[in-house]
C-alpha cells in the first residue's frame, strides 16, 4: 500500500540508513537503489541532498516496511536486487526474485558475441531469416532471450527453463519488452520439479519469442537439426566452492543455478554432447563459464569431434568468460534423456 511521508522524515531515515550501511560495509549505492525503487524520488534529488525540501514523498509501503527491508539487506545479506524486485540489464528493466539468478553485467557480453557472430554470417549469406531459431537454455529471468529477440527482429527465440517459477518471471519480463503489443499472462504455477511442455505461447508478433518448460534442449525436439544457435549461462561453480561464495549468493540465489558439479563442468559437458542433435551445420554453440574454465571447455569441444571454429572470449576485466564453437555435423541418434536440471540468469 502506497504511503505519503514527509521529505524531512525520509531524509532522517536515509541518513540513519547510510550510517548503518557504512558500518556493515554495504555500498551506500545499494541504499540509493532501494530507495529509488520504493519511492517517487529521483537520483538527482538524492545526489543534491534535497529530499527534505519535498513536502511529501510517495513510498510503495510505509517507511517502517522499507526499514525492515533494509535491515534484511544488512542483517540477512539479502541482495538489494531482490529487495527492489528489479534490475537493469543492457536496455532492459527486469523483474527478479529468489527463483532466478540476478543477471550480471558480464553476461551482457554474451549478447554482443551473438550479435557479432550473426552479423558475420549474415554478411556471408549463411543465414536464412525465414527459418532462424535461437535458443536460450536455462533462461532464468529471460534476460538473454529477450535481448536476443530485441536484437534479431526476424528470428524466433526460444526461452527454455526447467523451473516453472523461473519461467513465469521470464514471461513477466517479456511483458515489458518494447516489441510486445499486449500483456503476457503469468502462467498458473505448476507443482513439482518438471512441468508440461509447451506452455501457452506469449502474444509476440509472429510468436517469435517462445517460452518452453523443460530440461535443456528437450522442448526443441521438433527443431532437431534446424536451430541456428544455442546459448546458455549454465551452472558452472564447482560444488566444493559453493561454500566460499558471498552470503548474498549462496544463501539467497538458487543453488541449482550455481552448482556445476565436482569440477563445475557437468552441465557444459551435457550441452556439448547434446547440442549437435539440434543445431544446423555451422550453428553457434555459446556458453558462459567461470574464469579459468575456458581452456578445459575448448578441449572438451575438440575432443568431441563435432565442433569447429572453437574460440575463447574474455570479459572486460580480462578474464576468460565465454567459449563459442560451430557444429560440423548433426548427430542422427535418438535424443537421450536429460536428468541434469537447468537454470541460468
C-alpha atoms as a PDB file:
ATOM      1  CA  UNK A   1       0.000   0.000   0.000  1.00  0.00           C
ATOM      2  CA  UNK A   2       1.398   3.382  -1.015  1.00  0.00           C
ATOM      3  CA  UNK A   3       2.240   5.800   1.784  1.00  0.00           C
ATOM      4  CA  UNK A   4       2.754   9.558   1.859  1.00  0.00           C
ATOM      5  CA  UNK A   5       5.701  10.559   4.053  1.00  0.00           C
ATOM      6  CA  UNK A   6       7.226  13.980   4.583  1.00  0.00           C
ATOM      7  CA  UNK A   7      10.532  14.632   2.876  1.00  0.00           C
ATOM      8  CA  UNK A   8      12.080  15.536   6.226  1.00  0.00           C
ATOM      9  CA  UNK A   9      11.109  12.162   7.680  1.00  0.00           C
ATOM     10  CA  UNK A  10      12.521  10.306   4.681  1.00  0.00           C
ATOM     11  CA  UNK A  11      15.722  12.351   4.931  1.00  0.00           C
ATOM     12  CA  UNK A  12      16.159  11.391   8.588  1.00  0.00           C
ATOM     13  CA  UNK A  13      15.642   7.714   7.783  1.00  0.00           C
ATOM     14  CA  UNK A  14      18.002   7.935   4.826  1.00  0.00           C
ATOM     15  CA  UNK A  15      20.755   9.458   6.964  1.00  0.00           C
ATOM     16  CA  UNK A  16      20.466   6.739   9.591  1.00  0.00           C
ATOM     17  CA  UNK A  17      20.354   4.041   6.904  1.00  0.00           C
ATOM     18  CA  UNK A  18      23.528   5.427   5.308  1.00  0.00           C
ATOM     19  CA  UNK A  19      25.331   5.258   8.635  1.00  0.00           C
ATOM     20  CA  UNK A  20      24.192   1.665   9.109  1.00  0.00           C
ATOM     21  CA  UNK A  21      25.312   0.764   5.585  1.00  0.00           C
ATOM     22  CA  UNK A  22      28.814   2.102   6.172  1.00  0.00           C
ATOM     23  CA  UNK A  23      29.068   0.238   9.483  1.00  0.00           C
ATOM     24  CA  UNK A  24      28.005  -3.004   7.786  1.00  0.00           C
ATOM     25  CA  UNK A  25      30.355  -2.486   4.806  1.00  0.00           C
ATOM     26  CA  UNK A  26      27.394  -2.414   2.408  1.00  0.00           C
ATOM     27  CA  UNK A  27      27.767   0.039  -0.506  1.00  0.00           C
ATOM     28  CA  UNK A  28      25.677   3.166   0.048  1.00  0.00           C
ATOM     29  CA  UNK A  29      24.767   2.983  -3.646  1.00  0.00           C
ATOM     30  CA  UNK A  30      22.606  -0.033  -2.772  1.00  0.00           C
ATOM     31  CA  UNK A  31      20.630   2.083  -0.319  1.00  0.00           C
ATOM     32  CA  UNK A  32      20.069   4.653  -3.067  1.00  0.00           C
ATOM     33  CA  UNK A  33      18.930   1.862  -5.398  1.00  0.00           C
ATOM     34  CA  UNK A  34      16.414   0.546  -2.874  1.00  0.00           C
ATOM     35  CA  UNK A  35      15.010   3.959  -2.009  1.00  0.00           C
ATOM     36  CA  UNK A  36      14.637   4.922  -5.669  1.00  0.00           C
ATOM     37  CA  UNK A  37      12.860   1.633  -6.358  1.00  0.00           C
ATOM     38  CA  UNK A  38      10.463   2.124  -3.462  1.00  0.00           C
ATOM     39  CA  UNK A  39       9.691   5.824  -3.902  1.00  0.00           C
ATOM     40  CA  UNK A  40       8.945   8.577  -6.401  1.00  0.00           C
ATOM     41  CA  UNK A  41      12.305  10.229  -5.695  1.00  0.00           C
ATOM     42  CA  UNK A  42      14.880  10.691  -8.460  1.00  0.00           C
ATOM     43  CA  UNK A  43      18.625  10.235  -8.387  1.00  0.00           C
ATOM     44  CA  UNK A  44      19.355  13.957  -8.672  1.00  0.00           C
ATOM     45  CA  UNK A  45      17.361  14.715  -5.523  1.00  0.00           C
ATOM     46  CA  UNK A  46      19.415  12.165  -3.603  1.00  0.00           C
ATOM     47  CA  UNK A  47      22.664  13.479  -5.046  1.00  0.00           C
ATOM     48  CA  UNK A  48      21.851  17.092  -4.146  1.00  0.00           C
ATOM     49  CA  UNK A  49      20.620  16.142  -0.688  1.00  0.00           C
ATOM     50  CA  UNK A  50      17.295  17.944  -1.155  1.00  0.00           C
ATOM     51  CA  UNK A  51      14.940  15.167  -0.037  1.00  0.00           C
ATOM     52  CA  UNK A  52      13.916  17.222   2.998  1.00  0.00           C
ATOM     53  CA  UNK A  53      12.712  20.005   0.677  1.00  0.00           C
ATOM     54  CA  UNK A  54       9.958  17.743  -0.615  1.00  0.00           C
ATOM     55  CA  UNK A  55       6.631  18.307   1.216  1.00  0.00           C
ATOM     56  CA  UNK A  56       5.769  14.658   0.677  1.00  0.00           C
ATOM     57  CA  UNK A  57       7.407  11.572  -0.755  1.00  0.00           C
ATOM     58  CA  UNK A  58       5.326   8.705  -2.102  1.00  0.00           C
ATOM     59  CA  UNK A  59       6.546   5.305  -0.932  1.00  0.00           C
ATOM     60  CA  UNK A  60       5.308   1.927  -2.113  1.00  0.00           C
ATOM     61  CA  UNK A  61       4.755   0.982   1.533  1.00  0.00           C
ATOM     62  CA  UNK A  62       5.069   2.652   4.946  1.00  0.00           C
ATOM     63  CA  UNK A  63       8.535   3.775   5.960  1.00  0.00           C
ATOM     64  CA  UNK A  64       8.612   1.055   8.626  1.00  0.00           C
ATOM     65  CA  UNK A  65       8.318  -1.564   5.876  1.00  0.00           C
ATOM     66  CA  UNK A  66      11.179  -0.001   3.952  1.00  0.00           C
ATOM     67  CA  UNK A  67      13.274  -0.061   7.128  1.00  0.00           C
ATOM     68  CA  UNK A  68      12.536  -3.762   7.626  1.00  0.00           C
ATOM     69  CA  UNK A  69      13.628  -4.431   4.044  1.00  0.00           C
ATOM     70  CA  UNK A  70      16.858  -2.506   4.572  1.00  0.00           C
ATOM     71  CA  UNK A  71      17.562  -4.472   7.743  1.00  0.00           C
ATOM     72  CA  UNK A  72      17.162  -7.666   5.703  1.00  0.00           C
ATOM     73  CA  UNK A  73      19.945  -6.355   3.458  1.00  0.00           C
ATOM     74  CA  UNK A  74      22.215  -5.514   6.377  1.00  0.00           C
ATOM     75  CA  UNK A  75      21.488  -8.438   8.671  1.00  0.00           C
ATOM     76  CA  UNK A  76      20.433 -11.286   6.409  1.00  0.00           C
ATOM     77  CA  UNK A  77      22.556 -10.159   3.436  1.00  0.00           C
ATOM     78  CA  UNK A  78      19.605 -10.376   1.064  1.00  0.00           C
ATOM     79  CA  UNK A  79      20.705  -8.967  -2.323  1.00  0.00           C
ATOM     80  CA  UNK A  80      19.314  -5.493  -2.844  1.00  0.00           C
ATOM     81  CA  UNK A  81      18.092  -6.538  -6.301  1.00  0.00           C
ATOM     82  CA  UNK A  82      15.665  -8.971  -4.661  1.00  0.00           C
ATOM     83  CA  UNK A  83      14.528  -6.309  -2.203  1.00  0.00           C
ATOM     84  CA  UNK A  84      13.965  -3.827  -5.029  1.00  0.00           C
ATOM     85  CA  UNK A  85      12.420  -6.566  -7.151  1.00  0.00           C
ATOM     86  CA  UNK A  86      14.172  -5.497 -10.319  1.00  0.00           C
ATOM     87  CA  UNK A  87      17.493  -4.862 -12.016  1.00  0.00           C
ATOM     88  CA  UNK A  88      18.651  -3.013 -15.119  1.00  0.00           C
ATOM     89  CA  UNK A  89      20.490  -5.204 -17.630  1.00  0.00           C
ATOM     90  CA  UNK A  90      21.511  -3.857 -21.045  1.00  0.00           C
ATOM     91  CA  UNK A  91      18.456  -1.874 -22.192  1.00  0.00           C
ATOM     92  CA  UNK A  92      16.061  -3.999 -20.132  1.00  0.00           C
ATOM     93  CA  UNK A  93      14.349  -3.420 -16.809  1.00  0.00           C
ATOM     94  CA  UNK A  94      13.937  -6.930 -15.413  1.00  0.00           C
ATOM     95  CA  UNK A  95      11.970  -8.314 -12.508  1.00  0.00           C
ATOM     96  CA  UNK A  96      13.916 -10.674 -10.283  1.00  0.00           C
ATOM     97  CA  UNK A  97      13.152 -12.884  -7.305  1.00  0.00           C
ATOM     98  CA  UNK A  98      14.966 -15.674  -5.451  1.00  0.00           C
ATOM     99  CA  UNK A  99      13.615 -18.041  -8.140  1.00  0.00           C
ATOM    100  CA  UNK A 100      16.220 -16.716 -10.603  1.00  0.00           C
ATOM    101  CA  UNK A 101      19.832 -15.636 -10.583  1.00  0.00           C
ATOM    102  CA  UNK A 102      20.415 -11.906 -10.646  1.00  0.00           C
ATOM    103  CA  UNK A 103      21.681 -11.040 -14.164  1.00  0.00           C
ATOM    104  CA  UNK A 104      25.331  -9.966 -14.044  1.00  0.00           C
ATOM    105  CA  UNK A 105      26.867  -7.188 -16.148  1.00  0.00           C
ATOM    106  CA  UNK A 106      29.480  -9.523 -17.653  1.00  0.00           C
ATOM    107  CA  UNK A 107      26.741 -11.694 -19.134  1.00  0.00           C
ATOM    108  CA  UNK A 108      25.735  -8.745 -21.325  1.00  0.00           C
ATOM    109  CA  UNK A 109      28.794  -9.536 -23.448  1.00  0.00           C
ATOM    110  CA  UNK A 110      27.221 -12.856 -24.450  1.00  0.00           C
ATOM    111  CA  UNK A 111      24.595 -10.936 -26.397  1.00  0.00           C
ATOM    112  CA  UNK A 112      27.312  -8.852 -28.046  1.00  0.00           C
ATOM    113  CA  UNK A 113      29.129 -12.030 -29.110  1.00  0.00           C
ATOM    114  CA  UNK A 114      25.904 -13.427 -30.550  1.00  0.00           C
ATOM    115  CA  UNK A 115      25.251 -10.221 -32.488  1.00  0.00           C
ATOM    116  CA  UNK A 116      28.801 -10.206 -33.873  1.00  0.00           C
ATOM    117  CA  UNK A 117      28.505 -13.849 -34.984  1.00  0.00           C
ATOM    118  CA  UNK A 118      25.152 -13.293 -36.647  1.00  0.00           C
ATOM    119  CA  UNK A 119      26.384 -10.141 -38.388  1.00  0.00           C
ATOM    120  CA  UNK A 120      29.327 -12.054 -39.853  1.00  0.00           C
ATOM    121  CA  UNK A 121      27.147 -14.950 -41.014  1.00  0.00           C
ATOM    122  CA  UNK A 122      24.536 -12.624 -42.465  1.00  0.00           C
ATOM    123  CA  UNK A 123      27.174 -10.749 -44.465  1.00  0.00           C
ATOM    124  CA  UNK A 124      28.412 -14.087 -45.817  1.00  0.00           C
ATOM    125  CA  UNK A 125      24.894 -15.124 -46.844  1.00  0.00           C
ATOM    126  CA  UNK A 126      24.958 -18.079 -44.457  1.00  0.00           C
ATOM    127  CA  UNK A 127      21.652 -17.328 -42.694  1.00  0.00           C
ATOM    128  CA  UNK A 128      18.042 -17.549 -43.832  1.00  0.00           C
ATOM    129  CA  UNK A 129      15.879 -15.232 -41.709  1.00  0.00           C
ATOM    130  CA  UNK A 130      12.747 -17.123 -42.741  1.00  0.00           C
ATOM    131  CA  UNK A 131      13.868 -20.092 -40.621  1.00  0.00           C
ATOM    132  CA  UNK A 132      16.156 -18.680 -37.941  1.00  0.00           C
ATOM    133  CA  UNK A 133      15.854 -20.119 -34.442  1.00  0.00           C
ATOM    134  CA  UNK A 134      17.837 -19.049 -31.373  1.00  0.00           C
ATOM    135  CA  UNK A 135      17.536 -20.790 -28.011  1.00  0.00           C
ATOM    136  CA  UNK A 136      18.478 -19.540 -24.550  1.00  0.00           C
ATOM    137  CA  UNK A 137      18.892 -22.680 -22.431  1.00  0.00           C
ATOM    138  CA  UNK A 138      18.214 -22.125 -18.737  1.00  0.00           C
ATOM    139  CA  UNK A 139      16.715 -18.705 -19.367  1.00  0.00           C
ATOM    140  CA  UNK A 140      16.092 -17.779 -15.716  1.00  0.00           C
ATOM    141  CA  UNK A 141      14.899 -14.169 -15.732  1.00  0.00           C
ATOM    142  CA  UNK A 142      14.721 -14.225 -19.539  1.00  0.00           C
ATOM    143  CA  UNK A 143      17.413 -11.573 -19.881  1.00  0.00           C
ATOM    144  CA  UNK A 144      19.402 -13.217 -22.687  1.00  0.00           C
ATOM    145  CA  UNK A 145      16.346 -14.408 -24.623  1.00  0.00           C
ATOM    146  CA  UNK A 146      14.626 -11.021 -24.541  1.00  0.00           C
ATOM    147  CA  UNK A 147      17.836  -9.224 -25.536  1.00  0.00           C
ATOM    148  CA  UNK A 148      18.290 -11.618 -28.469  1.00  0.00           C
ATOM    149  CA  UNK A 149      14.692 -11.091 -29.562  1.00  0.00           C
ATOM    150  CA  UNK A 150      15.283  -7.357 -29.465  1.00  0.00           C
ATOM    151  CA  UNK A 151      18.490  -7.685 -31.494  1.00  0.00           C
ATOM    152  CA  UNK A 152      17.112 -10.123 -34.098  1.00  0.00           C
ATOM    153  CA  UNK A 153      13.603  -8.993 -35.130  1.00  0.00           C
ATOM    154  CA  UNK A 154      13.281 -11.679 -37.819  1.00  0.00           C
ATOM    155  CA  UNK A 155      14.356 -14.636 -35.681  1.00  0.00           C
ATOM    156  CA  UNK A 156      12.331 -16.887 -33.403  1.00  0.00           C
ATOM    157  CA  UNK A 157      13.874 -17.006 -29.938  1.00  0.00           C
ATOM    158  CA  UNK A 158      13.153 -19.886 -27.564  1.00  0.00           C
ATOM    159  CA  UNK A 159      13.423 -19.212 -23.825  1.00  0.00           C
ATOM    160  CA  UNK A 160      13.755 -22.551 -22.030  1.00  0.00           C
ATOM    161  CA  UNK A 161      13.943 -23.354 -18.340  1.00  0.00           C
ATOM    162  CA  UNK A 162      13.227 -26.415 -16.232  1.00  0.00           C
ATOM    163  CA  UNK A 163      11.844 -24.373 -13.327  1.00  0.00           C
ATOM    164  CA  UNK A 164       8.274 -23.115 -13.883  1.00  0.00           C
ATOM    165  CA  UNK A 165       8.777 -20.356 -11.298  1.00  0.00           C
ATOM    166  CA  UNK A 166      11.753 -19.009 -13.213  1.00  0.00           C
ATOM    167  CA  UNK A 167       9.876 -19.270 -16.481  1.00  0.00           C
ATOM    168  CA  UNK A 168       6.965 -17.289 -15.026  1.00  0.00           C
ATOM    169  CA  UNK A 169       9.370 -14.453 -14.205  1.00  0.00           C
ATOM    170  CA  UNK A 170      10.839 -14.581 -17.709  1.00  0.00           C
ATOM    171  CA  UNK A 171       7.357 -14.258 -19.168  1.00  0.00           C
ATOM    172  CA  UNK A 172       6.570 -11.307 -16.910  1.00  0.00           C
ATOM    173  CA  UNK A 173       9.785  -9.621 -18.007  1.00  0.00           C
ATOM    174  CA  UNK A 174       8.786 -10.114 -21.629  1.00  0.00           C
ATOM    175  CA  UNK A 175       5.611  -8.199 -20.812  1.00  0.00           C
ATOM    176  CA  UNK A 176       7.655  -5.009 -20.763  1.00  0.00           C
ATOM    177  CA  UNK A 177       9.503  -5.834 -23.970  1.00  0.00           C
ATOM    178  CA  UNK A 178       9.299  -2.995 -26.500  1.00  0.00           C
ATOM    179  CA  UNK A 179       8.078  -5.223 -29.349  1.00  0.00           C
ATOM    180  CA  UNK A 180       5.287  -6.813 -27.327  1.00  0.00           C
ATOM    181  CA  UNK A 181       1.881  -5.268 -28.210  1.00  0.00           C
ATOM    182  CA  UNK A 182      -0.119  -6.958 -25.441  1.00  0.00           C
ATOM    183  CA  UNK A 183       0.410  -8.186 -21.869  1.00  0.00           C
ATOM    184  CA  UNK A 184       1.526 -11.763 -21.390  1.00  0.00           C
ATOM    185  CA  UNK A 185      -0.475 -13.521 -18.671  1.00  0.00           C
ATOM    186  CA  UNK A 186       1.511 -15.150 -15.904  1.00  0.00           C
ATOM    187  CA  UNK A 187       1.118 -18.934 -16.192  1.00  0.00           C
ATOM    188  CA  UNK A 188      -0.590 -20.826 -13.421  1.00  0.00           C
ATOM    189  CA  UNK A 189       2.116 -22.149 -11.063  1.00  0.00           C
ATOM    190  CA  UNK A 190       2.794 -25.830 -11.618  1.00  0.00           C
ATOM    191  CA  UNK A 191       3.741 -28.268  -8.892  1.00  0.00           C
ATOM    192  CA  UNK A 192       6.816 -30.460  -8.861  1.00  0.00           C
ATOM    193  CA  UNK A 193      10.255 -30.140 -10.468  1.00  0.00           C
ATOM    194  CA  UNK A 194       9.021 -30.662 -14.017  1.00  0.00           C
ATOM    195  CA  UNK A 195       6.189 -29.103 -15.988  1.00  0.00           C
ATOM    196  CA  UNK A 196       4.392 -29.866 -19.243  1.00  0.00           C
ATOM    197  CA  UNK A 197       5.840 -28.564 -22.495  1.00  0.00           C
ATOM    198  CA  UNK A 198       4.926 -26.436 -24.239  1.00  0.00           C
ATOM    199  CA  UNK A 199       3.495 -23.690 -22.075  1.00  0.00           C
ATOM    200  CA  UNK A 200       0.978 -21.364 -23.732  1.00  0.00           C
ATOM    201  CA  UNK A 201       2.851 -19.176 -26.219  1.00  0.00           C
ATOM    202  CA  UNK A 202       3.115 -15.430 -25.478  1.00  0.00           C
ATOM    203  CA  UNK A 203       1.442 -12.863 -27.679  1.00  0.00           C
ATOM    204  CA  UNK A 204       4.539 -11.639 -29.522  1.00  0.00           C
ATOM    205  CA  UNK A 205       4.354 -10.717 -33.205  1.00  0.00           C
ATOM    206  CA  UNK A 206       4.547 -13.964 -35.123  1.00  0.00           C
ATOM    207  CA  UNK A 207       5.067 -15.816 -31.836  1.00  0.00           C
ATOM    208  CA  UNK A 208       8.755 -15.152 -32.289  1.00  0.00           C
ATOM    209  CA  UNK A 209       9.593 -15.187 -28.580  1.00  0.00           C
ATOM    210  CA  UNK A 210       8.581 -18.591 -27.282  1.00  0.00           C
ATOM    211  CA  UNK A 211       8.671 -19.852 -23.704  1.00  0.00           C
ATOM    212  CA  UNK A 212       9.038 -23.563 -23.032  1.00  0.00           C
ATOM    213  CA  UNK A 213       9.421 -25.512 -19.796  1.00  0.00           C
ATOM    214  CA  UNK A 214      11.767 -28.470 -19.940  1.00  0.00           C
ATOM    215  CA  UNK A 215      15.320 -29.668 -19.425  1.00  0.00           C
ATOM    216  CA  UNK A 216      17.878 -28.122 -21.741  1.00  0.00           C
ATOM    217  CA  UNK A 217      17.045 -28.879 -25.391  1.00  0.00           C
ATOM    218  CA  UNK A 218      14.112 -31.237 -24.789  1.00  0.00           C
ATOM    219  CA  UNK A 219      11.454 -28.673 -25.835  1.00  0.00           C
ATOM    220  CA  UNK A 220      13.293 -28.204 -29.163  1.00  0.00           C
ATOM    221  CA  UNK A 221      12.753 -31.778 -30.371  1.00  0.00           C
ATOM    222  CA  UNK A 222      10.663 -30.649 -33.345  1.00  0.00           C
ATOM    223  CA  UNK A 223      13.516 -28.383 -34.450  1.00  0.00           C
ATOM    224  CA  UNK A 224      16.263 -31.027 -34.419  1.00  0.00           C
ATOM    225  CA  UNK A 225      18.876 -30.076 -36.989  1.00  0.00           C
ATOM    226  CA  UNK A 226      17.374 -26.624 -37.615  1.00  0.00           C
ATOM    227  CA  UNK A 227      18.422 -24.476 -34.631  1.00  0.00           C
ATOM    228  CA  UNK A 228      20.646 -21.566 -35.601  1.00  0.00           C
ATOM    229  CA  UNK A 229      22.248 -21.056 -32.196  1.00  0.00           C
ATOM    230  CA  UNK A 230      22.190 -22.427 -28.661  1.00  0.00           C
ATOM    231  CA  UNK A 231      23.347 -20.028 -25.967  1.00  0.00           C
ATOM    232  CA  UNK A 232      23.476 -20.671 -22.252  1.00  0.00           C
ATOM    233  CA  UNK A 233      24.722 -19.337 -18.941  1.00  0.00           C
ATOM    234  CA  UNK A 234      24.578 -22.714 -17.159  1.00  0.00           C
ATOM    235  CA  UNK A 235      25.567 -23.667 -13.599  1.00  0.00           C
ATOM    236  CA  UNK A 236      29.375 -23.734 -13.535  1.00  0.00           C
ATOM    237  CA  UNK A 237      30.570 -23.306  -9.944  1.00  0.00           C
ATOM    238  CA  UNK A 238      32.404 -26.417  -8.634  1.00  0.00           C
ATOM    239  CA  UNK A 239      30.378 -27.901  -5.803  1.00  0.00           C
ATOM    240  CA  UNK A 240      33.208 -27.577  -3.278  1.00  0.00           C
ATOM    241  CA  UNK A 241      33.486 -23.843  -3.996  1.00  0.00           C
ATOM    242  CA  UNK A 242      29.840 -23.021  -3.298  1.00  0.00           C
ATOM    243  CA  UNK A 243      30.556 -22.527   0.401  1.00  0.00           C
ATOM    244  CA  UNK A 244      33.139 -19.856  -0.437  1.00  0.00           C
ATOM    245  CA  UNK A 245      30.654 -17.659  -2.283  1.00  0.00           C
ATOM    246  CA  UNK A 246      29.390 -14.423  -0.747  1.00  0.00           C
ATOM    247  CA  UNK A 247      26.411 -14.908   1.608  1.00  0.00           C
ATOM    248  CA  UNK A 248      24.296 -12.807  -0.752  1.00  0.00           C
ATOM    249  CA  UNK A 249      24.826 -15.503  -3.387  1.00  0.00           C
ATOM    250  CA  UNK A 250      24.950 -18.840  -1.601  1.00  0.00           C
ATOM    251  CA  UNK A 251      22.197 -18.079   0.934  1.00  0.00           C
ATOM    252  CA  UNK A 252      19.741 -16.371  -1.393  1.00  0.00           C
ATOM    253  CA  UNK A 253      20.275 -17.168  -5.083  1.00  0.00           C
ATOM    254  CA  UNK A 254      19.069 -20.564  -6.390  1.00  0.00           C
ATOM    255  CA  UNK A 255      21.714 -23.222  -5.766  1.00  0.00           C
ATOM    256  CA  UNK A 256      20.538 -25.261  -8.746  1.00  0.00           C
ATOM    257  CA  UNK A 257      21.575 -22.379 -10.991  1.00  0.00           C
ATOM    258  CA  UNK A 258      25.070 -22.287  -9.463  1.00  0.00           C
ATOM    259  CA  UNK A 259      26.207 -25.869  -8.809  1.00  0.00           C
ATOM    260  CA  UNK A 260      28.072 -27.247 -11.814  1.00  0.00           C
ATOM    261  CA  UNK A 261      29.202 -30.498 -10.208  1.00  0.00           C
ATOM    262  CA  UNK A 262      32.650 -31.562  -8.960  1.00  0.00           C
ATOM    263  CA  UNK A 263      34.645 -29.524 -11.482  1.00  0.00           C
ATOM    264  CA  UNK A 264      31.881 -27.114 -12.492  1.00  0.00           C
ATOM    265  CA  UNK A 265      31.582 -28.585 -15.977  1.00  0.00           C
ATOM    266  CA  UNK A 266      28.795 -31.174 -15.633  1.00  0.00           C
ATOM    267  CA  UNK A 267      26.157 -29.089 -17.405  1.00  0.00           C
ATOM    268  CA  UNK A 268      28.608 -27.836 -20.002  1.00  0.00           C
ATOM    269  CA  UNK A 269      29.632 -31.392 -20.878  1.00  0.00           C
ATOM    270  CA  UNK A 270      25.968 -32.206 -21.252  1.00  0.00           C
ATOM    271  CA  UNK A 271      25.440 -29.275 -23.626  1.00  0.00           C
ATOM    272  CA  UNK A 272      28.475 -30.275 -25.682  1.00  0.00           C
ATOM    273  CA  UNK A 273      27.101 -33.790 -26.080  1.00  0.00           C
ATOM    274  CA  UNK A 274      23.533 -32.727 -26.794  1.00  0.00           C
ATOM    275  CA  UNK A 275      23.813 -29.643 -28.992  1.00  0.00           C
ATOM    276  CA  UNK A 276      24.747 -31.206 -32.374  1.00  0.00           C
ATOM    277  CA  UNK A 277      21.426 -33.077 -32.415  1.00  0.00           C
ATOM    278  CA  UNK A 278      19.613 -29.742 -32.598  1.00  0.00           C
ATOM    279  CA  UNK A 279      21.966 -27.293 -34.282  1.00  0.00           C
ATOM    280  CA  UNK A 280      22.124 -26.857 -38.033  1.00  0.00           C
ATOM    281  CA  UNK A 281      25.518 -27.413 -39.696  1.00  0.00           C
ATOM    282  CA  UNK A 282      27.596 -24.381 -38.820  1.00  0.00           C
ATOM    283  CA  UNK A 283      25.256 -23.481 -35.960  1.00  0.00           C
ATOM    284  CA  UNK A 284      26.536 -21.498 -32.994  1.00  0.00           C
ATOM    285  CA  UNK A 285      27.251 -23.045 -29.575  1.00  0.00           C
ATOM    286  CA  UNK A 286      27.951 -20.321 -26.988  1.00  0.00           C
ATOM    287  CA  UNK A 287      28.246 -20.624 -23.200  1.00  0.00           C
ATOM    288  CA  UNK A 288      29.351 -18.509 -20.276  1.00  0.00           C
ATOM    289  CA  UNK A 289      31.672 -20.132 -17.739  1.00  0.00           C
ATOM    290  CA  UNK A 290      33.710 -19.386 -14.643  1.00  0.00           C
ATOM    291  CA  UNK A 291      37.060 -17.707 -15.110  1.00  0.00           C
ATOM    292  CA  UNK A 292      39.742 -20.322 -15.670  1.00  0.00           C
ATOM    293  CA  UNK A 293      37.485 -22.940 -17.279  1.00  0.00           C
ATOM    294  CA  UNK A 294      37.800 -21.790 -20.886  1.00  0.00           C
ATOM    295  CA  UNK A 295      40.772 -23.938 -21.914  1.00  0.00           C
ATOM    296  CA  UNK A 296      39.198 -27.087 -20.470  1.00  0.00           C
ATOM    297  CA  UNK A 297      35.924 -26.405 -22.295  1.00  0.00           C
ATOM    298  CA  UNK A 298      37.760 -25.799 -25.561  1.00  0.00           C
ATOM    299  CA  UNK A 299      39.497 -29.168 -25.126  1.00  0.00           C
ATOM    300  CA  UNK A 300      36.165 -30.882 -24.472  1.00  0.00           C
ATOM    301  CA  UNK A 301      34.780 -29.412 -27.685  1.00  0.00           C
ATOM    302  CA  UNK A 302      37.827 -30.509 -29.664  1.00  0.00           C
ATOM    303  CA  UNK A 303      37.673 -33.982 -28.173  1.00  0.00           C
ATOM    304  CA  UNK A 304      34.004 -34.339 -29.128  1.00  0.00           C
ATOM    305  CA  UNK A 305      34.937 -34.109 -32.794  1.00  0.00           C
ATOM    306  CA  UNK A 306      31.729 -32.454 -33.988  1.00  0.00           C
ATOM    307  CA  UNK A 307      32.746 -28.833 -33.490  1.00  0.00           C
ATOM    308  CA  UNK A 308      34.979 -26.369 -35.291  1.00  0.00           C
ATOM    309  CA  UNK A 309      35.766 -22.642 -35.041  1.00  0.00           C
ATOM    310  CA  UNK A 310      36.316 -23.064 -31.295  1.00  0.00           C
ATOM    311  CA  UNK A 311      37.140 -19.759 -29.625  1.00  0.00           C
ATOM    312  CA  UNK A 312      37.645 -18.434 -26.124  1.00  0.00           C
ATOM    313  CA  UNK A 313      36.402 -14.941 -25.282  1.00  0.00           C
ATOM    314  CA  UNK A 314      37.361 -12.623 -22.439  1.00  0.00           C
ATOM    315  CA  UNK A 315      35.268 -10.212 -20.377  1.00  0.00           C
ATOM    316  CA  UNK A 316      36.093  -6.549 -19.802  1.00  0.00           C
ATOM    317  CA  UNK A 317      38.190  -7.446 -16.761  1.00  0.00           C
ATOM    318  CA  UNK A 318      40.432  -9.653 -18.903  1.00  0.00           C
ATOM    319  CA  UNK A 319      39.103 -12.969 -17.559  1.00  0.00           C
ATOM    320  CA  UNK A 320      38.207 -15.867 -19.818  1.00  0.00           C
ATOM    321  CA  UNK A 321      34.411 -15.866 -19.648  1.00  0.00           C
ATOM    322  CA  UNK A 322      32.862 -17.421 -22.786  1.00  0.00           C
ATOM    323  CA  UNK A 323      33.546 -20.191 -25.283  1.00  0.00           C
ATOM    324  CA  UNK A 324      31.960 -20.393 -28.723  1.00  0.00           C
ATOM    325  CA  UNK A 325      32.037 -23.070 -31.404  1.00  0.00           C
ATOM    326  CA  UNK A 326      30.228 -24.114 -34.580  1.00  0.00           C
ATOM    327  CA  UNK A 327      28.851 -27.560 -35.359  1.00  0.00           C
ATOM    328  CA  UNK A 328      30.471 -29.545 -38.139  1.00  0.00           C
ATOM    329  CA  UNK A 329      27.847 -32.313 -38.378  1.00  0.00           C
ATOM    330  CA  UNK A 330      24.425 -33.124 -36.998  1.00  0.00           C
ATOM    331  CA  UNK A 331      24.064 -36.216 -34.893  1.00  0.00           C
ATOM    332  CA  UNK A 332      21.270 -38.502 -36.087  1.00  0.00           C
ATOM    333  CA  UNK A 333      20.985 -40.691 -32.991  1.00  0.00           C
ATOM    334  CA  UNK A 334      17.856 -40.603 -30.791  1.00  0.00           C
ATOM    335  CA  UNK A 335      17.593 -37.801 -28.275  1.00  0.00           C
ATOM    336  CA  UNK A 336      18.767 -39.134 -24.883  1.00  0.00           C
ATOM    337  CA  UNK A 337      17.082 -38.375 -21.548  1.00  0.00           C
ATOM    338  CA  UNK A 338      18.434 -35.317 -19.731  1.00  0.00           C
ATOM    339  CA  UNK A 339      18.399 -35.639 -15.958  1.00  0.00           C
ATOM    340  CA  UNK A 340      20.543 -32.607 -15.217  1.00  0.00           C
ATOM    341  CA  UNK A 341      18.391 -29.620 -14.129  1.00  0.00           C
ATOM    342  CA  UNK A 342      18.966 -26.319 -15.849  1.00  0.00           C
ATOM    343  CA  UNK A 343      18.517 -22.712 -14.903  1.00  0.00           C
ATOM    344  CA  UNK A 344      20.617 -19.634 -15.585  1.00  0.00           C
ATOM    345  CA  UNK A 345      20.236 -15.800 -15.130  1.00  0.00           C
END
